Amino acid sequence: MRSKSVKEGVEKAPHRSLLKALGLTDEEMRRPFIGIVNAYNEIVPGHKHLKEVAEAAKRGVMMAGGVPFEFPTIAVCDGIAMNHVGMKYSLASREIVADSIEIMVKAHGFDGIVLIPNCDKVVPGMLMAAARLNIPAVVVSGGPMLTGRVNGKKVDVSTVFEAVGAVKAGKMTEEELHQLEEHACPGCGSCAGMFTANSMNCMTEALGLALSGNGTIPAVYAERLRLAKESGMKVMELVEKQILPRDIMNEEGIRNALVVDMALGCSSNTVLHLTAIAHEAEVAVDLDQINALSDATPNLCRLSPAGSHYMEDLYEAGGVLAVMNELDKKDLLHREVLTVSGKTVGELVKGHLVRRKDVIRPIDDPYSPTGGIAILKGNLAPEGAVVKKSAVDEAMMQHQGKARVFNEENEASAAILNGQINHGDVIVIRYEGPKGGPGMQEMLTPTSALAGMGLDKSVALITDGRFSGATRGASIGHVSPEAYEGGPIGLVEEGDQIEIDIPNKKLNVLVSNEVLKERQRNWKPMVKQQKGYLGKYKGLVSSGAEGAICRSKE
C-alpha cells in the first residue's frame, strides 16, 4: 500500500499521531487510504449536489473495508463564465484541477482515489490526474440535468442563449425570453444536451474509467447514488488487484473513446481533452488519427445541439453501452481493453441493446456514415482546426464567403447583435487562442446569437478560440497555429474570400502565398498583458492542436 509511506514504522509515529487527531483508530491504520476528490461548490449547478454523491462513494469505500478521506478541487461553470473575462479561466482551470489532485495524493500517500466531477474542464482535469498519478482510480460524475419544459417543449440552457439572438432579431419577446430563463434549467446536474460536460462524462465511461451509467444517469435519480456506492466499493477491488489507470487508458482504450465520441456526436472540446489525457497517459494521439477514426465511424446520435434529443433520452435508449454495442457489431472497438468494472469492453457491452432507435440509430442506418467531428486543414489552419460537423446544416458543409475580421469575441458578438453581419459572411475571431486570449475562450454567445437570428444556415464562424458543446452551425475552432503565434488566421484581412469544405476537410483563405508572405513581413502580434494565473498559463500552454497542454520549461 502506498499509504505505508505515511503510517508504518517507528519513524512514522508522528504521522500516526496526526492521523489519530482526525479520530482514526489503529484498525483503520491497517486499511487502505482512499482519497475522495470532490468538486462540490455552491456556484456551479452541476456540482451543487456532489456532497451526496461523495457521501455515497465514501460509504462504498467503507463497506469494502477502506478508509475514505474527502478533499476538494475547484470547478468553473462555463455557462456562468461565458462572454466575460471569466471564460478566459475555464480551460486554464483544467490544469489547476489536475495539479491540485496530484499535490494532495502525493503529499498524503493515498492508495486509490474516487474522482467526483461533473462539468466541462473538471472531468478532463481529473482524468489527466488519474493518468499522471497512475494509482487505482474510479470516476463517478454528478450526472446530467433534466430538461426544462416551456409550452410542452423540451428546453435547456442553449435554448436560452439562442433566444437572446431571437429577441435582438425581433423574433421573440422579452416576456418569452423570461419564461425560458425561468424553466430551462430545472435543477442540479450538467446541462442537459450533449455539451462538453456530458460529452466528457460519456467519454469517461467509454474509456473504461467509470462504471456503466456514469455518462447518462440523471443527476436527481437515486440510481446515481447507488452508482457512487458501487464506485467506492470498486476502487477497493482495483487497489487489491493493482489495476491502474494506464492499464485501462492505453492506446486501444483511448482509441475506443474517440470512436464512441464520433458515434455520439460529442462536443468539439473532446478533441482538446482526449488529446491532453492521452499526453498524460503517454499515448500518442494526433489530429490526423482523429480524422481517420471519424472517417471510419458512423454517427449514430444527434443530441442537442445537433438534434432534438437530450441526455435523458440517451439514458432511456440504453446509454453509452448501447452505443458501444452497436459499434461492436462492425468490429469498431478494441474488445480486449480492460475497464474498472473488472470486465473487458467486449464483456461489458454484450447484451446492452438499444431501447429507442429514434435516439440511437442502428449501425446499418446511421445519421451519417462518418463521425460527428472533422479536422480541417489548409493554408488558414496548417496544423488543423476542429468542427462538430454533425451540428452543421447541410447548406453550410461547403461554403465560400467574405471574411469579417474581429480581434476579440466581444467585438464580433456586438456586430452580430447589432445587425452588421450579412448572409454569406465568414466571421473570423482571432487572438482568442490558448496564448493569445489567453485561455482559449468558448464562444457560445456569438454562435447562439447567429442561430437565434436565423443566420446559422448562411454564416460561418472561424476562430483560434473554441466553442461550447452547445454551439451549432458552421463553427470552426482551434485554428492552429493561433494568431498570437503568427498563424495565418492573424493575416486574414476584411473582405478576403474564405473557403470551407467540410466533406473534403479543407479550410483556406483564397489569397496567394506571395500576398500572405508580404502580410507576414509586416505582421506584429496583438499582445494582451496578463498578470496572475493567466500570465503563468500563457507562458506554459501549447497549441490547441496539441490539446492546449502545459509544458514545463525544463
Protein backbone atom coordinates (compact mmCIF):
# COMPACT_ATOMS: atom_id res chain seq x y z
CA MET A 1 0.00 0.00 0.00
CA ARG A 2 1.23 3.48 -0.89
CA SER A 3 -0.16 4.74 2.40
CA LYS A 4 2.59 2.82 4.20
CA SER A 5 4.76 5.85 3.45
CA VAL A 6 2.71 7.90 5.92
CA LYS A 7 1.66 5.36 8.54
CA GLU A 8 4.04 2.42 9.01
CA GLY A 9 7.25 2.10 11.03
CA VAL A 10 8.70 3.68 14.14
CA GLU A 11 9.71 6.80 12.24
CA LYS A 12 6.08 7.37 11.23
CA ALA A 13 4.83 7.68 14.83
CA PRO A 14 4.41 11.48 14.40
CA HIS A 15 2.40 10.87 11.23
CA ARG A 16 0.15 8.38 13.01
CA SER A 17 -0.31 10.83 15.83
CA LEU A 18 -1.57 13.44 13.38
CA LEU A 19 -3.87 10.90 11.74
CA LYS A 20 -5.24 9.98 15.16
CA ALA A 21 -6.04 13.66 15.62
CA LEU A 22 -8.61 13.02 12.87
CA GLY A 23 -10.15 10.27 15.00
CA LEU A 24 -8.55 7.31 13.22
CA THR A 25 -8.15 4.04 15.10
CA ASP A 26 -5.31 1.53 14.88
CA GLU A 27 -7.67 -0.76 12.93
CA GLU A 28 -8.24 1.97 10.33
CA MET A 29 -4.47 2.49 10.09
CA ARG A 30 -4.18 -1.05 8.76
CA ARG A 31 -6.68 -0.43 5.95
CA PRO A 32 -6.17 1.22 2.54
CA PHE A 33 -6.49 5.02 2.48
CA ILE A 34 -8.74 6.24 -0.35
CA GLY A 35 -8.90 9.86 -1.49
CA ILE A 36 -12.40 11.11 -2.37
CA VAL A 37 -11.85 14.06 -4.70
CA ASN A 38 -14.99 16.19 -4.61
CA ALA A 39 -15.51 19.17 -6.95
CA TYR A 40 -18.53 20.34 -4.94
CA ASN A 41 -19.22 24.05 -4.62
CA GLU A 42 -22.25 26.31 -4.26
CA ILE A 43 -21.96 28.27 -7.52
CA VAL A 44 -21.92 25.53 -10.19
CA PRO A 45 -25.36 23.96 -10.82
CA GLY A 46 -23.71 20.77 -12.00
CA HIS A 47 -21.89 20.44 -8.69
CA LYS A 48 -24.28 21.65 -6.01
CA HIS A 49 -25.40 18.08 -5.19
CA LEU A 50 -21.97 16.45 -5.13
CA LYS A 51 -21.91 16.27 -1.32
CA GLU A 52 -24.50 13.49 -1.58
CA VAL A 53 -22.54 11.71 -4.30
CA ALA A 54 -19.35 11.92 -2.22
CA GLU A 55 -21.10 10.57 0.87
CA ALA A 56 -22.38 7.62 -1.14
CA ALA A 57 -18.89 6.96 -2.53
CA LYS A 58 -17.42 7.09 0.99
CA ARG A 59 -19.99 4.57 2.19
CA GLY A 60 -18.99 2.28 -0.63
CA VAL A 61 -15.33 2.54 0.34
CA MET A 62 -16.13 1.77 3.98
CA MET A 63 -18.38 -1.16 3.06
CA ALA A 64 -15.45 -2.65 1.15
CA GLY A 65 -13.00 -2.15 4.02
CA GLY A 66 -11.26 1.09 3.13
CA VAL A 67 -10.84 4.44 4.87
CA PRO A 68 -12.10 7.41 2.80
CA PHE A 69 -10.70 10.93 3.06
CA GLU A 70 -12.59 13.64 1.20
CA PHE A 71 -10.81 16.67 -0.21
CA PRO A 72 -11.89 19.36 -2.71
CA THR A 73 -10.83 20.78 -6.03
CA ILE A 74 -12.12 23.77 -7.99
CA ALA A 75 -14.82 23.86 -10.67
CA VAL A 76 -15.85 26.56 -13.15
CA CYS A 77 -19.38 26.78 -14.58
CA ASP A 78 -18.82 27.57 -18.25
CA GLY A 79 -22.33 28.93 -18.66
CA ILE A 80 -21.90 31.48 -15.89
CA ALA A 81 -18.34 32.26 -17.05
CA MET A 82 -19.48 32.78 -20.66
CA ASN A 83 -18.93 36.06 -22.60
CA HIS A 84 -16.89 37.92 -19.95
CA VAL A 85 -13.38 37.68 -18.53
CA GLY A 86 -14.35 34.56 -16.59
CA MET A 87 -14.27 32.44 -19.73
CA LYS A 88 -10.53 33.04 -20.04
CA TYR A 89 -10.17 30.97 -16.88
CA SER A 90 -12.26 27.98 -17.92
CA LEU A 91 -9.80 25.88 -19.94
CA ALA A 92 -6.97 27.14 -17.75
CA SER A 93 -8.77 25.69 -14.71
CA ARG A 94 -8.24 22.18 -16.10
CA GLU A 95 -4.58 22.39 -15.13
CA ILE A 96 -5.39 23.52 -11.59
CA VAL A 97 -7.75 20.58 -11.17
CA ALA A 98 -5.10 18.08 -12.30
CA ASP A 99 -2.28 19.73 -10.37
CA SER A 100 -4.23 20.05 -7.12
CA ILE A 101 -5.13 16.35 -7.16
CA GLU A 102 -1.51 15.42 -7.83
CA ILE A 103 -0.42 17.55 -4.87
CA MET A 104 -2.94 16.05 -2.45
CA VAL A 105 -2.31 12.44 -3.49
CA LYS A 106 1.46 12.71 -3.45
CA ALA A 107 1.51 14.60 -0.16
CA HIS A 108 -0.74 12.16 1.70
CA GLY A 109 0.05 8.75 0.27
CA PHE A 110 -3.38 7.60 -0.87
CA ASP A 111 -3.72 4.03 -2.09
CA GLY A 112 -6.53 4.87 -4.52
CA ILE A 113 -8.91 7.67 -5.46
CA VAL A 114 -12.56 8.16 -6.32
CA LEU A 115 -12.93 11.20 -8.57
CA ILE A 116 -16.22 13.14 -8.43
CA PRO A 117 -16.52 15.79 -11.20
CA ASN A 118 -19.37 16.90 -13.40
CA CYS A 119 -18.70 19.98 -15.50
CA ASP A 120 -16.64 20.83 -18.53
CA LYS A 121 -12.99 21.13 -17.50
CA VAL A 122 -13.24 19.24 -14.22
CA VAL A 123 -13.83 15.86 -15.86
CA PRO A 124 -10.75 16.01 -18.13
CA GLY A 125 -8.69 17.58 -15.34
CA MET A 126 -9.48 14.62 -13.11
CA LEU A 127 -8.76 12.12 -15.90
CA MET A 128 -5.44 13.84 -16.55
CA ALA A 129 -4.61 13.49 -12.85
CA ALA A 130 -5.57 9.80 -12.87
CA ALA A 131 -3.30 9.13 -15.85
CA ARG A 132 -0.45 11.18 -14.37
CA LEU A 133 -0.59 9.59 -10.91
CA ASN A 134 -1.40 6.08 -12.16
CA ILE A 135 -2.87 4.80 -8.91
CA PRO A 136 -6.17 2.87 -8.74
CA ALA A 137 -8.96 5.28 -9.66
CA VAL A 138 -12.69 5.30 -10.43
CA VAL A 139 -14.64 8.29 -11.73
CA VAL A 140 -18.27 8.87 -10.76
CA SER A 141 -19.77 12.10 -12.07
CA GLY A 142 -22.75 14.05 -10.77
CA GLY A 143 -24.87 13.24 -13.83
CA PRO A 144 -26.83 15.30 -16.36
CA MET A 145 -29.57 17.83 -15.65
CA LEU A 146 -33.10 17.03 -16.77
CA THR A 147 -34.55 19.25 -19.50
CA GLY A 148 -36.96 22.06 -18.75
CA ARG A 149 -40.39 22.43 -20.32
CA VAL A 150 -41.90 25.54 -21.89
CA ASN A 151 -45.24 25.27 -23.71
CA GLY A 152 -44.87 21.50 -23.78
CA LYS A 153 -41.47 21.65 -25.48
CA LYS A 154 -38.16 20.42 -24.03
CA VAL A 155 -35.66 23.26 -23.49
CA ASP A 156 -32.22 23.71 -21.98
CA VAL A 157 -29.64 26.42 -21.38
CA SER A 158 -28.65 26.53 -25.07
CA THR A 159 -32.28 27.41 -25.85
CA VAL A 160 -31.89 30.49 -23.66
CA PHE A 161 -28.60 31.52 -25.27
CA GLU A 162 -30.17 31.27 -28.73
CA ALA A 163 -33.26 33.13 -27.55
CA VAL A 164 -31.13 36.23 -26.88
CA GLY A 165 -30.41 36.42 -30.61
CA ALA A 166 -34.08 35.83 -31.39
CA VAL A 167 -35.07 38.77 -29.16
CA LYS A 168 -32.48 41.00 -30.86
CA ALA A 169 -33.86 39.96 -34.26
CA GLY A 170 -37.45 40.71 -33.20
CA LYS A 171 -38.43 37.03 -33.41
CA MET A 172 -39.19 36.66 -29.71
CA THR A 173 -40.46 38.93 -26.96
CA GLU A 174 -38.60 39.62 -23.73
CA GLU A 175 -41.54 38.06 -21.89
CA GLU A 176 -41.00 34.79 -23.81
CA LEU A 177 -37.29 35.00 -23.04
CA HIS A 178 -38.12 35.37 -19.35
CA GLN A 179 -40.27 32.23 -19.47
CA LEU A 180 -37.31 30.31 -20.93
CA GLU A 181 -35.00 31.78 -18.30
CA GLU A 182 -37.35 30.58 -15.55
CA HIS A 183 -37.77 27.00 -16.76
CA ALA A 184 -34.82 25.93 -18.95
CA CYS A 185 -32.64 24.68 -16.08
CA PRO A 186 -34.96 22.88 -13.63
CA GLY A 187 -32.38 21.60 -11.15
CA CYS A 188 -28.91 20.28 -10.49
CA GLY A 189 -26.71 18.45 -12.98
CA SER A 190 -24.57 19.12 -16.01
CA CYS A 191 -26.50 20.96 -18.75
CA ALA A 192 -28.99 18.66 -20.47
CA GLY A 193 -27.58 18.34 -24.01
CA MET A 194 -24.51 16.64 -25.47
CA PHE A 195 -22.39 19.59 -24.48
CA THR A 196 -18.81 19.35 -23.20
CA ALA A 197 -19.59 18.17 -19.65
CA ASN A 198 -21.85 15.33 -20.73
CA SER A 199 -19.55 14.53 -23.64
CA MET A 200 -16.64 14.05 -21.25
CA ASN A 201 -18.70 12.06 -18.76
CA CYS A 202 -19.67 9.74 -21.61
CA MET A 203 -16.02 9.61 -22.71
CA THR A 204 -15.02 8.57 -19.17
CA GLU A 205 -17.39 5.62 -19.44
CA ALA A 206 -16.13 4.79 -22.93
CA LEU A 207 -12.54 4.98 -21.69
CA GLY A 208 -13.40 2.38 -19.06
CA LEU A 209 -12.55 4.54 -16.05
CA ALA A 210 -16.17 4.78 -14.86
CA LEU A 211 -18.89 2.23 -14.25
CA SER A 212 -21.84 1.73 -16.58
CA GLY A 213 -24.30 4.63 -16.48
CA ASN A 214 -21.80 7.30 -15.48
CA GLY A 215 -22.45 9.36 -18.59
CA THR A 216 -26.24 9.26 -18.66
CA ILE A 217 -27.97 8.53 -15.32
CA PRO A 218 -29.74 11.83 -14.48
CA ALA A 219 -28.32 13.77 -11.54
CA VAL A 220 -31.53 13.60 -9.48
CA TYR A 221 -32.06 9.83 -9.77
CA ALA A 222 -31.32 7.59 -6.77
CA GLU A 223 -29.57 5.34 -9.28
CA ARG A 224 -26.79 7.95 -9.36
CA LEU A 225 -26.17 7.47 -5.61
CA ARG A 226 -26.14 3.70 -5.99
CA LEU A 227 -23.57 4.13 -8.77
CA ALA A 228 -21.44 6.20 -6.38
CA LYS A 229 -21.59 3.49 -3.71
CA GLU A 230 -20.62 0.86 -6.27
CA SER A 231 -17.74 3.07 -7.42
CA GLY A 232 -16.47 3.36 -3.84
CA MET A 233 -16.58 -0.41 -3.48
CA LYS A 234 -14.97 -0.93 -6.88
CA VAL A 235 -11.93 1.22 -6.14
CA MET A 236 -11.11 -1.16 -3.27
CA GLU A 237 -11.09 -4.06 -5.70
CA LEU A 238 -8.77 -2.10 -8.00
CA VAL A 239 -6.43 -1.43 -5.07
CA GLU A 240 -6.37 -5.12 -4.17
CA LYS A 241 -5.69 -6.22 -7.76
CA GLN A 242 -3.49 -3.19 -8.55
CA ILE A 243 -5.36 -2.38 -11.73
CA LEU A 244 -4.09 1.07 -12.71
CA PRO A 245 -5.47 3.83 -14.96
CA ARG A 246 -2.81 3.31 -17.61
CA ASP A 247 -3.78 -0.36 -17.81
CA ILE A 248 -7.16 0.97 -18.98
CA MET A 249 -6.32 4.28 -20.69
CA ASN A 250 -3.81 2.71 -23.05
CA GLU A 251 -3.62 3.27 -26.81
CA GLU A 252 -6.54 0.95 -27.55
CA GLY A 253 -8.67 2.39 -24.72
CA ILE A 254 -8.20 5.96 -25.94
CA ARG A 255 -8.97 4.85 -29.48
CA ASN A 256 -12.22 3.30 -28.20
CA ALA A 257 -13.16 6.61 -26.58
CA LEU A 258 -12.53 8.51 -29.81
CA VAL A 259 -14.68 6.04 -31.76
CA VAL A 260 -17.54 6.45 -29.27
CA ASP A 261 -17.02 10.23 -29.48
CA MET A 262 -17.65 10.10 -33.23
CA ALA A 263 -20.71 7.89 -32.86
CA LEU A 264 -22.29 10.06 -30.16
CA GLY A 265 -21.55 13.38 -31.88
CA CYS A 266 -19.81 14.87 -28.86
CA SER A 267 -18.53 18.39 -28.27
CA SER A 268 -15.57 19.59 -30.33
CA ASN A 269 -13.84 20.18 -26.98
CA THR A 270 -13.35 16.43 -26.62
CA VAL A 271 -10.54 16.75 -29.17
CA LEU A 272 -8.69 19.10 -26.80
CA HIS A 273 -9.36 16.99 -23.74
CA LEU A 274 -8.76 13.49 -25.07
CA THR A 275 -5.50 14.71 -26.61
CA ALA A 276 -4.41 16.14 -23.24
CA ILE A 277 -5.46 12.97 -21.37
CA ALA A 278 -3.52 10.85 -23.87
CA HIS A 279 -0.47 13.03 -23.29
CA GLU A 280 -0.65 12.34 -19.53
CA ALA A 281 -1.07 8.62 -20.24
CA GLU A 282 1.98 8.77 -22.56
CA VAL A 283 -0.10 7.70 -25.56
CA ALA A 284 0.48 9.44 -28.89
CA VAL A 285 -2.66 10.96 -30.44
CA ASP A 286 -2.69 13.48 -33.28
CA LEU A 287 -5.38 15.20 -35.33
CA ASP A 288 -4.78 13.03 -38.38
CA GLN A 289 -5.54 9.91 -36.32
CA ILE A 290 -8.76 11.53 -35.12
CA ASN A 291 -9.81 12.23 -38.71
CA ALA A 292 -9.09 8.63 -39.70
CA LEU A 293 -11.28 7.34 -36.87
CA SER A 294 -14.04 9.78 -37.80
CA ASP A 295 -13.92 8.60 -41.41
CA ALA A 296 -14.41 5.00 -40.26
CA THR A 297 -17.11 5.56 -37.61
CA PRO A 298 -20.83 6.12 -38.31
CA ASN A 299 -22.60 8.91 -36.42
CA LEU A 300 -25.45 7.22 -34.53
CA CYS A 301 -26.78 10.03 -32.30
CA ARG A 302 -27.91 13.62 -32.78
CA LEU A 303 -28.45 15.07 -29.34
CA SER A 304 -28.88 18.78 -28.60
CA PRO A 305 -27.49 20.99 -30.08
CA ALA A 306 -27.26 18.76 -33.17
CA GLY A 307 -30.80 17.41 -32.77
CA SER A 308 -33.92 17.34 -30.64
CA HIS A 309 -32.89 14.63 -28.17
CA TYR A 310 -31.24 15.15 -24.77
CA MET A 311 -29.22 13.18 -22.25
CA GLU A 312 -32.37 11.88 -20.59
CA ASP A 313 -33.34 10.39 -23.96
CA LEU A 314 -29.93 8.74 -24.36
CA TYR A 315 -30.35 7.29 -20.87
CA GLU A 316 -33.75 5.85 -21.84
CA ALA A 317 -32.28 4.50 -25.09
CA GLY A 318 -29.68 2.39 -23.30
CA GLY A 319 -26.84 4.84 -22.70
CA VAL A 320 -23.21 4.67 -23.73
CA LEU A 321 -23.01 0.87 -23.61
CA ALA A 322 -25.88 0.54 -26.08
CA VAL A 323 -23.98 2.80 -28.49
CA MET A 324 -20.83 0.74 -27.94
CA ASN A 325 -22.77 -2.47 -28.56
CA GLU A 326 -23.89 -1.10 -31.95
CA LEU A 327 -20.28 -0.16 -32.78
CA ASP A 328 -19.12 -3.62 -31.77
CA LYS A 329 -21.36 -5.13 -34.45
CA LYS A 330 -18.95 -3.70 -37.03
CA ASP A 331 -15.80 -4.56 -35.03
CA LEU A 332 -15.08 -0.88 -34.43
CA LEU A 333 -13.95 -1.34 -30.81
CA HIS A 334 -10.94 -2.95 -29.20
CA ARG A 335 -12.88 -5.57 -27.23
CA GLU A 336 -9.97 -6.75 -25.06
CA VAL A 337 -9.42 -3.41 -23.28
CA LEU A 338 -9.90 -3.66 -19.51
CA THR A 339 -12.35 -1.43 -17.59
CA VAL A 340 -12.73 -0.50 -13.92
CA SER A 341 -15.67 -2.93 -13.77
CA GLY A 342 -13.13 -5.74 -13.98
CA LYS A 343 -14.60 -6.77 -17.32
CA THR A 344 -13.20 -6.18 -20.78
CA VAL A 345 -15.01 -3.87 -23.19
CA GLY A 346 -16.27 -6.89 -25.12
CA GLU A 347 -17.69 -8.50 -21.99
CA LEU A 348 -19.17 -5.21 -20.78
CA VAL A 349 -21.12 -4.22 -23.90
CA LYS A 350 -22.58 -7.66 -24.54
CA GLY A 351 -26.37 -7.67 -24.27
CA HIS A 352 -26.76 -3.87 -23.96
CA LEU A 353 -29.39 -3.38 -26.62
CA VAL A 354 -30.77 -0.12 -27.96
CA ARG A 355 -34.18 0.61 -26.38
CA ARG A 356 -35.04 3.66 -28.50
CA LYS A 357 -33.93 3.53 -32.12
CA ASP A 358 -35.06 7.12 -32.66
CA VAL A 359 -32.26 8.18 -30.27
CA ILE A 360 -29.54 5.66 -31.14
CA ARG A 361 -29.66 4.74 -34.81
CA PRO A 362 -28.78 1.16 -35.85
CA ILE A 363 -25.22 0.77 -37.11
CA ASP A 364 -26.62 -0.05 -40.59
CA ASP A 365 -28.82 3.07 -40.65
CA PRO A 366 -26.72 5.90 -39.17
CA TYR A 367 -27.32 9.62 -39.39
CA SER A 368 -24.04 9.77 -41.28
CA PRO A 369 -21.54 7.11 -42.40
CA THR A 370 -18.78 9.18 -40.82
CA GLY A 371 -18.29 10.59 -37.34
CA GLY A 372 -19.54 13.75 -35.66
CA ILE A 373 -16.23 15.64 -35.68
CA ALA A 374 -13.91 16.60 -38.53
CA ILE A 375 -10.41 18.07 -38.58
CA LEU A 376 -9.90 20.66 -41.33
CA LYS A 377 -6.55 21.75 -42.74
CA GLY A 378 -5.37 24.23 -45.34
CA ASN A 379 -3.46 27.48 -45.65
CA LEU A 380 -5.67 29.01 -42.95
CA ALA A 381 -5.06 26.14 -40.50
CA PRO A 382 -1.80 24.35 -41.36
CA GLU A 383 -1.84 22.41 -38.06
CA GLY A 384 -5.58 21.84 -38.10
CA ALA A 385 -8.96 23.15 -36.99
CA VAL A 386 -11.97 21.35 -35.48
CA VAL A 387 -15.65 21.39 -36.42
CA LYS A 388 -18.60 19.46 -34.96
CA LYS A 389 -19.90 18.56 -38.40
CA SER A 390 -22.91 16.67 -37.02
CA ALA A 391 -24.26 20.07 -35.89
CA VAL A 392 -23.65 21.83 -39.24
CA ASP A 393 -26.54 22.37 -41.62
CA GLU A 394 -26.13 20.63 -44.97
CA ALA A 395 -26.19 24.00 -46.74
CA MET A 396 -23.01 25.05 -44.91
CA MET A 397 -20.92 21.92 -45.40
CA GLN A 398 -19.28 23.69 -48.35
CA HIS A 399 -19.22 27.46 -48.25
CA GLN A 400 -17.28 30.40 -49.62
CA GLY A 401 -17.76 33.87 -48.22
CA LYS A 402 -16.32 37.25 -47.32
CA ALA A 403 -14.18 37.47 -44.19
CA ARG A 404 -15.44 39.73 -41.41
CA VAL A 405 -12.45 40.11 -39.10
CA PHE A 406 -12.50 40.72 -35.33
CA ASN A 407 -9.67 40.61 -32.82
CA GLU A 408 -11.87 39.78 -29.83
CA GLU A 409 -15.03 37.75 -29.25
CA ASN A 410 -16.95 40.70 -27.76
CA GLU A 411 -16.39 42.79 -30.91
CA ALA A 412 -17.87 40.02 -33.05
CA SER A 413 -20.82 39.48 -30.70
CA ALA A 414 -21.66 43.18 -30.80
CA ALA A 415 -21.54 43.20 -34.61
CA ILE A 416 -23.86 40.20 -34.81
CA LEU A 417 -26.38 41.53 -32.30
CA ASN A 418 -26.34 44.99 -33.96
CA GLY A 419 -27.24 43.52 -37.36
CA GLN A 420 -23.86 44.18 -39.02
CA ILE A 421 -23.36 40.60 -40.30
CA ASN A 422 -24.83 39.61 -43.66
CA HIS A 423 -25.87 36.30 -45.18
CA GLY A 424 -22.84 34.54 -46.66
CA ASP A 425 -20.26 36.21 -44.39
CA VAL A 426 -17.48 34.28 -42.67
CA ILE A 427 -16.78 35.73 -39.22
CA VAL A 428 -13.14 35.44 -38.17
CA ILE A 429 -12.39 35.86 -34.45
CA ARG A 430 -8.70 35.76 -33.61
CA TYR A 431 -6.32 36.43 -30.73
CA GLU A 432 -8.51 34.16 -28.61
CA GLY A 433 -6.23 31.10 -28.69
CA PRO A 434 -4.52 29.45 -25.70
CA LYS A 435 -1.78 32.11 -25.59
CA GLY A 436 -3.45 34.99 -27.41
CA GLY A 437 -6.62 35.07 -25.30
CA PRO A 438 -5.10 33.87 -23.15
CA GLY A 439 -7.24 30.90 -22.19
CA MET A 440 -8.93 29.90 -25.49
CA GLN A 441 -12.40 31.20 -24.72
CA GLU A 442 -15.59 29.37 -25.65
CA MET A 443 -17.81 31.40 -27.95
CA LEU A 444 -21.38 30.38 -27.29
CA THR A 445 -22.62 33.97 -27.32
CA PRO A 446 -21.83 34.74 -30.99
CA THR A 447 -22.75 31.27 -32.27
CA SER A 448 -26.04 31.16 -30.37
CA ALA A 449 -26.82 34.72 -31.50
CA LEU A 450 -26.35 33.62 -35.10
CA ALA A 451 -28.66 30.65 -34.53
CA GLY A 452 -31.27 32.75 -32.77
CA MET A 453 -31.26 35.30 -35.56
CA GLY A 454 -31.60 32.59 -38.21
CA LEU A 455 -28.10 33.13 -39.64
CA ASP A 456 -26.57 29.77 -38.71
CA LYS A 457 -27.53 28.31 -42.10
CA SER A 458 -25.78 31.06 -44.07
CA VAL A 459 -22.96 32.48 -41.90
CA ALA A 460 -19.81 30.65 -40.76
CA LEU A 461 -17.57 31.47 -37.80
CA ILE A 462 -13.86 30.64 -37.61
CA THR A 463 -11.64 31.18 -34.58
CA ASP A 464 -8.39 30.22 -32.88
CA GLY A 465 -10.53 30.04 -29.75
CA ARG A 466 -13.04 27.28 -29.18
CA PHE A 467 -16.76 26.61 -28.82
CA SER A 468 -19.16 25.43 -26.19
CA GLY A 469 -20.55 21.97 -26.75
CA ALA A 470 -23.90 23.79 -27.03
CA THR A 471 -22.78 25.50 -30.25
CA ARG A 472 -24.34 24.52 -33.57
CA GLY A 473 -23.73 25.73 -37.09
CA ALA A 474 -20.61 26.09 -39.24
CA SER A 475 -18.44 26.95 -36.25
CA ILE A 476 -14.80 26.05 -36.81
CA GLY A 477 -12.46 26.39 -33.84
CA HIS A 478 -9.00 25.53 -32.52
CA VAL A 479 -7.45 27.06 -35.68
CA SER A 480 -3.74 26.34 -35.32
CA PRO A 481 -1.25 27.95 -35.25
CA GLU A 482 -3.16 30.69 -33.43
CA ALA A 483 -2.85 34.35 -34.44
CA TYR A 484 -0.64 35.24 -31.46
CA GLU A 485 1.91 32.63 -32.59
CA GLY A 486 1.97 34.00 -36.15
CA GLY A 487 -0.63 31.67 -37.60
CA PRO A 488 -2.26 32.57 -40.93
CA ILE A 489 -5.54 33.42 -39.20
CA GLY A 490 -3.73 36.55 -37.99
CA LEU A 491 -3.05 37.56 -41.60
CA VAL A 492 -6.65 37.47 -42.86
CA GLU A 493 -7.99 40.89 -43.88
CA GLU A 494 -11.54 42.20 -44.08
CA GLY A 495 -13.09 41.11 -47.39
CA ASP A 496 -10.79 38.16 -48.12
CA GLN A 497 -12.64 35.16 -49.53
CA ILE A 498 -12.59 32.10 -47.27
CA GLU A 499 -13.31 28.58 -48.48
CA ILE A 500 -14.81 25.99 -46.14
CA ASP A 501 -15.07 22.41 -47.41
CA ILE A 502 -16.03 20.12 -44.53
CA PRO A 503 -16.55 16.91 -46.61
CA ASN A 504 -13.04 17.29 -48.03
CA LYS A 505 -11.65 18.64 -44.74
CA LYS A 506 -10.29 21.89 -46.16
CA LEU A 507 -10.07 25.41 -44.76
CA ASN A 508 -8.40 28.06 -46.91
CA VAL A 509 -8.17 31.80 -47.32
CA LEU A 510 -8.20 32.45 -51.08
CA VAL A 511 -5.15 34.68 -51.14
CA SER A 512 -1.89 33.85 -52.91
CA ASN A 513 1.15 32.66 -50.99
CA GLU A 514 3.01 35.78 -52.13
CA VAL A 515 0.40 38.06 -50.58
CA LEU A 516 0.40 36.06 -47.35
CA LYS A 517 4.20 36.26 -47.17
CA GLU A 518 4.07 40.01 -47.68
CA ARG A 519 1.49 40.37 -44.92
CA GLN A 520 3.64 38.17 -42.66
CA ARG A 521 6.60 40.53 -43.11
CA ASN A 522 4.51 43.44 -41.84
CA TRP A 523 2.75 41.50 -39.08
CA LYS A 524 3.09 42.17 -35.38
CA PRO A 525 1.14 40.23 -32.76
CA MET A 526 -1.55 41.92 -30.71
CA VAL A 527 -0.45 41.45 -27.11
CA LYS A 528 -2.85 41.37 -24.16
CA GLN A 529 -0.88 41.95 -20.98
CA GLN A 530 -1.72 39.45 -18.27
CA LYS A 531 -0.71 39.07 -14.66
CA GLY A 532 -1.63 36.44 -12.10
CA TYR A 533 -2.59 32.92 -13.08
CA LEU A 534 -3.39 33.71 -16.73
CA GLY A 535 0.08 35.21 -17.12
CA LYS A 536 1.63 31.97 -15.85
CA TYR A 537 -0.69 29.88 -18.02
CA LYS A 538 0.17 31.91 -21.13
CA GLY A 539 3.85 31.13 -20.62
CA LEU A 540 3.32 27.36 -20.39
CA VAL A 541 0.38 26.45 -22.63
CA SER A 542 0.86 24.79 -26.02
CA SER A 543 -1.10 24.91 -29.27
CA GLY A 544 -4.73 23.88 -29.45
CA ALA A 545 -3.59 21.23 -31.94
CA GLU A 546 -1.69 19.59 -29.07
CA GLY A 547 -4.62 19.75 -26.64
CA ALA A 548 -3.54 23.07 -25.06
CA ILE A 549 -1.37 21.13 -22.63
CA CYS A 550 1.00 22.95 -20.30
CA ARG A 551 4.66 22.13 -20.75
CA SER A 552 7.34 22.82 -18.15
CA LYS A 553 10.28 24.96 -19.21
CA GLU A 554 12.87 22.35 -18.24
